[in-house]
Protein backbone atom coordinates (compact mmCIF):
# COMPACT_ATOMS: atom_id res chain seq x y z
CA MET A 1 -7.38 -27.66 -0.85
CA PRO A 2 -10.66 -25.54 -2.27
CA GLU A 3 -10.46 -25.35 -6.19
CA PRO A 4 -10.07 -21.83 -7.21
CA ALA A 5 -12.83 -19.41 -8.26
CA GLU A 6 -12.45 -17.98 -11.84
CA ASP A 7 -14.30 -15.47 -13.60
CA VAL A 8 -16.89 -15.32 -10.73
CA THR A 9 -18.62 -12.11 -9.80
CA TYR A 10 -20.06 -11.36 -5.80
CA ARG A 11 -22.23 -9.02 -5.34
CA ASP A 12 -24.00 -7.82 -2.09
CA GLN A 13 -22.64 -10.54 0.36
CA ASP A 14 -21.88 -10.55 3.72
CA TRP A 15 -18.75 -11.96 4.37
CA TYR A 16 -18.16 -10.46 7.59
CA ALA A 17 -15.09 -12.35 9.87
CA GLU A 18 -14.79 -14.66 6.55
CA GLU A 19 -11.79 -16.93 7.45
CA LEU A 20 -10.04 -16.80 3.98
CA VAL A 21 -7.49 -19.88 4.00
CA ASP A 22 -5.69 -20.53 1.10
CA ARG A 23 -8.52 -19.68 -1.32
CA HIS A 24 -7.40 -18.78 -4.75
CA PHE A 25 -9.46 -16.40 -6.64
CA VAL A 26 -8.57 -15.55 -10.30
CA ARG A 27 -10.50 -12.28 -12.56
CA CYS A 28 -13.23 -12.25 -9.70
CA GLU A 29 -14.72 -9.14 -9.28
CA PHE A 30 -16.16 -7.88 -5.85
CA PHE A 31 -19.13 -5.33 -5.01
CA GLN A 32 -20.36 -4.57 -2.09
CA VAL A 33 -19.49 -7.54 0.04
CA ASP A 34 -18.79 -6.68 3.57
CA LEU A 35 -15.27 -8.04 4.31
CA THR A 36 -15.17 -6.15 7.84
CA GLU A 37 -12.99 -8.07 10.24
CA ALA A 38 -12.20 -10.85 7.73
CA VAL A 39 -8.77 -13.04 7.90
CA SER A 40 -6.95 -13.92 4.92
CA ARG A 41 -4.13 -16.21 5.47
CA GLY A 42 -2.29 -18.15 2.04
CA ALA A 43 -5.06 -16.67 -0.08
CA THR A 44 -4.42 -14.98 -3.49
CA PHE A 45 -6.32 -12.90 -5.74
CA THR A 46 -5.11 -12.70 -9.43
CA GLU A 47 -6.13 -9.60 -11.57
CA CYS A 48 -9.57 -9.24 -9.33
CA VAL A 49 -11.56 -6.19 -9.04
CA PHE A 50 -12.86 -4.61 -5.79
CA GLY A 51 -15.73 -2.01 -6.06
CA ASN A 52 -17.32 -0.36 -2.88
CA VAL A 53 -15.98 -3.22 -0.50
CA ALA A 54 -15.30 -3.12 3.09
CA PHE A 55 -11.82 -4.23 4.27
CA ASN A 56 -12.52 -2.73 7.78
CA ALA A 57 -10.08 -3.90 10.03
CA SER A 58 -9.21 -6.83 8.39
CA ARG A 59 -6.27 -8.72 8.00
CA HIS A 60 -4.12 -10.16 5.97
CA THR A 61 -1.02 -12.50 6.06
CA ASP A 62 1.32 -14.12 3.92
CA SER A 63 -1.75 -13.29 0.87
CA ALA A 64 -1.11 -11.88 -2.47
CA PHE A 65 -3.85 -9.15 -4.86
CA THR A 66 -1.97 -8.92 -7.67
CA ARG A 67 -2.68 -6.80 -10.49
CA CYS A 68 -5.78 -6.44 -8.06
CA THR A 69 -8.17 -3.08 -9.01
CA PHE A 70 -9.80 -1.57 -5.71
CA THR A 71 -11.78 1.45 -5.75
CA ARG A 72 -14.17 3.59 -3.42
CA CYS A 73 -12.96 0.60 -0.98
CA ASN A 74 -12.39 1.32 2.79
CA LEU A 75 -10.01 -0.04 4.05
CA PHE A 76 -9.82 1.27 7.56
CA GLU A 77 -7.53 0.10 10.24
CA ALA A 78 -6.64 -2.92 7.55
CA GLU A 79 -3.31 -4.81 8.40
CA PHE A 80 -1.03 -6.24 6.00
CA THR A 81 1.60 -8.64 7.13
CA GLY A 82 4.12 -10.02 4.35
CA CYS A 83 1.47 -9.54 1.59
CA LYS A 84 2.03 -9.36 -2.23
CA LEU A 85 0.47 -6.29 -3.79
CA VAL A 86 2.48 -6.16 -6.67
CA GLY A 87 1.06 -4.00 -9.86
CA SER A 88 -2.21 -3.84 -7.94
CA SER A 89 -4.08 -0.07 -7.76
CA PHE A 90 -5.75 1.99 -5.42
CA ASP A 91 -8.53 4.39 -6.39
CA ARG A 92 -10.75 6.72 -4.30
CA CYS A 93 -10.40 4.24 -1.31
CA ASP A 94 -9.89 5.25 2.11
CA LEU A 95 -6.81 3.86 3.52
CA ARG A 96 -6.70 5.51 6.95
CA PRO A 97 -4.68 4.20 9.02
CA LEU A 98 -3.27 1.50 6.68
CA ARG A 99 -0.88 -1.13 8.74
CA VAL A 100 1.91 -2.19 5.69
CA ASP A 101 4.58 -5.22 7.52
CA GLY A 102 6.81 -6.65 5.07
CA GLY A 103 5.50 -8.09 1.62
CA ASP A 104 6.07 -6.79 -1.83
CA TRP A 105 3.80 -3.83 -3.22
CA SER A 106 6.46 -2.68 -5.98
CA PHE A 107 4.65 -1.04 -9.01
CA VAL A 108 1.02 -0.38 -6.69
CA ALA A 109 -0.44 2.45 -7.86
CA LEU A 110 -1.57 4.70 -5.11
CA SER A 111 -1.43 8.54 -6.96
CA GLY A 112 -3.56 10.89 -5.02
CA ALA A 113 -4.28 8.54 -1.78
CA ASP A 114 -4.45 9.99 1.84
CA LEU A 115 -2.20 7.56 3.37
CA ARG A 116 -1.98 10.60 6.58
CA GLY A 117 -0.75 7.87 9.93
CA ALA A 118 -0.06 5.27 7.55
CA ARG A 119 2.33 2.91 9.26
CA ILE A 120 5.02 0.88 6.71
CA THR A 121 7.63 -1.05 7.55
CA ASP A 122 10.29 -3.31 5.98
CA ALA A 123 8.41 -3.33 2.80
CA ARG A 124 9.16 -3.33 -0.96
CA MET A 125 7.67 -0.87 -2.88
CA ARG A 126 9.54 -0.50 -5.82
CA GLU A 127 8.22 1.98 -8.74
CA ALA A 128 5.25 2.58 -7.01
CA ASP A 129 3.37 5.70 -7.97
CA LEU A 130 3.01 7.90 -5.03
CA THR A 131 2.25 11.11 -7.11
CA GLY A 132 0.50 13.36 -4.76
CA VAL A 133 -0.19 11.32 -1.91
CA ASP A 134 -0.87 12.51 1.74
CA LEU A 135 2.50 10.57 3.82
CA THR A 136 1.51 13.31 6.78
CA GLY A 137 2.61 12.17 10.11
CA ALA A 138 3.55 8.17 7.59
CA VAL A 139 6.13 6.38 9.22
CA LEU A 140 7.79 4.54 5.94
CA THR A 141 10.60 2.56 7.72
CA GLY A 142 13.10 0.19 6.05
CA VAL A 143 11.46 0.27 3.17
CA ASP A 144 12.51 -0.41 -0.72
CA LEU A 145 11.54 3.00 -2.01
CA SER A 146 13.67 2.77 -5.16
CA GLY A 147 12.10 4.46 -8.17
CA VAL A 148 8.95 5.85 -6.90
CA GLN A 149 6.98 8.71 -8.29
CA TRP A 150 6.92 11.38 -5.63
CA ARG A 151 5.99 14.44 -7.69
CA GLY A 152 3.54 16.60 -5.19
CA ALA A 153 3.75 14.14 -2.24
CA ASN A 154 3.56 15.49 1.36
CA LEU A 155 5.95 14.06 3.55
CA THR A 156 5.38 16.58 6.52
CA ARG A 157 6.37 14.45 9.63
CA ALA A 158 7.08 11.85 8.24
CA ASP A 159 9.39 9.25 9.38
CA LEU A 160 11.60 7.82 6.67
CA ARG A 161 14.37 6.40 8.22
CA GLY A 162 16.28 3.55 6.56
CA SER A 163 13.93 3.86 3.75
CA ASP A 164 15.67 4.16 0.28
CA LEU A 165 14.90 7.48 -1.40
CA SER A 166 17.41 7.89 -4.13
CA THR A 167 14.62 8.52 -6.24
CA LEU A 168 13.33 11.77 -4.57
CA ASP A 169 13.62 14.91 -5.41
CA PRO A 170 13.13 17.14 -2.18
CA ALA A 171 12.28 19.61 -4.51
CA GLU A 172 8.84 18.26 -5.79
CA VAL A 173 7.59 17.15 -2.32
CA ALA A 174 6.43 19.31 0.85
CA ARG A 175 8.85 17.66 3.53
CA SER A 176 8.38 19.65 6.59
CA GLY A 177 9.29 17.69 10.29
CA ALA A 178 10.10 14.48 8.01
CA ARG A 179 12.95 12.44 9.32
CA VAL A 180 15.56 10.68 7.85
CA GLY A 181 18.86 9.19 8.97
CA VAL A 182 22.49 10.48 8.14
CA ALA A 183 23.25 9.28 4.98
CA GLN A 184 20.26 9.76 3.59
CA ALA A 185 20.54 13.41 4.55
CA VAL A 186 23.44 13.10 2.27
CA THR A 187 21.67 11.83 -0.22
CA LEU A 188 19.06 14.58 -0.16
CA ALA A 189 21.38 17.10 -0.33
CA GLN A 190 23.34 15.54 -3.36
CA ALA A 191 19.67 16.02 -5.25
CA LEU A 192 20.01 19.29 -4.56
CA GLY A 193 23.15 20.05 -5.74
CA PHE A 194 25.00 20.13 -2.92
CA GLN A 195 28.60 18.74 -2.41
CA VAL A 196 28.51 17.06 0.93
CA GLY A 197 32.00 16.88 2.84
C-alpha cells in the first residue's frame, strides 16, 4: 500500500492514462496536471485543490474526492462509478457530458454549472447546490435530491423519474418537457398549491 501523499503540490505534470489504484492524497494541490484517460480505483483525495486539471475521458471507480475544490478543470466524458464527492465544489469547469453512476455527491457545490446532457443515476446528492445549473436534456434518475437548492435551474427536457424532488419548487425553475413519474407529479402539484384527488 503506497504511503499517503500529504501537502504536496503537483504542477505541470503528465499523468496521461495513469492508474491510481489505492492511492491516497491529503491536502495536495494539482495545477495543470494532465489526467486524460487516467483510471482511479479505491483512490482518495481529501481536501485537495485541482486547478486547470484535465480529467478528459478519465474513469473513477469507488474513489473519493471529499471536500475538494475543482477550478477551471476539464471533465469532458469523465465517468464516476460508486464515488464519493461529499462537500466538493466545482467552479468554471467543463462538465459535459458527465456520467455518474451511484456514489455520494451530497453537499456538492455546482452553482451555475453547465450539465446539459449529463447522466446521473442512483446517486445521493442531498443538499447539493444546483442554483442556476443548466440540466437541459440531462438524466437524473433514481437520485436522492432531497434538500437541493434549485433556484434558477434549467430542467428543460430533463428525465427526473424516480428521484426525490420533495424540495423542488416548480415555480423557481425552467421545466418545459421535463419528465417525472406519477408520484412525483403529485408532489410537484402540491408544491404549487394544488390539492390532488
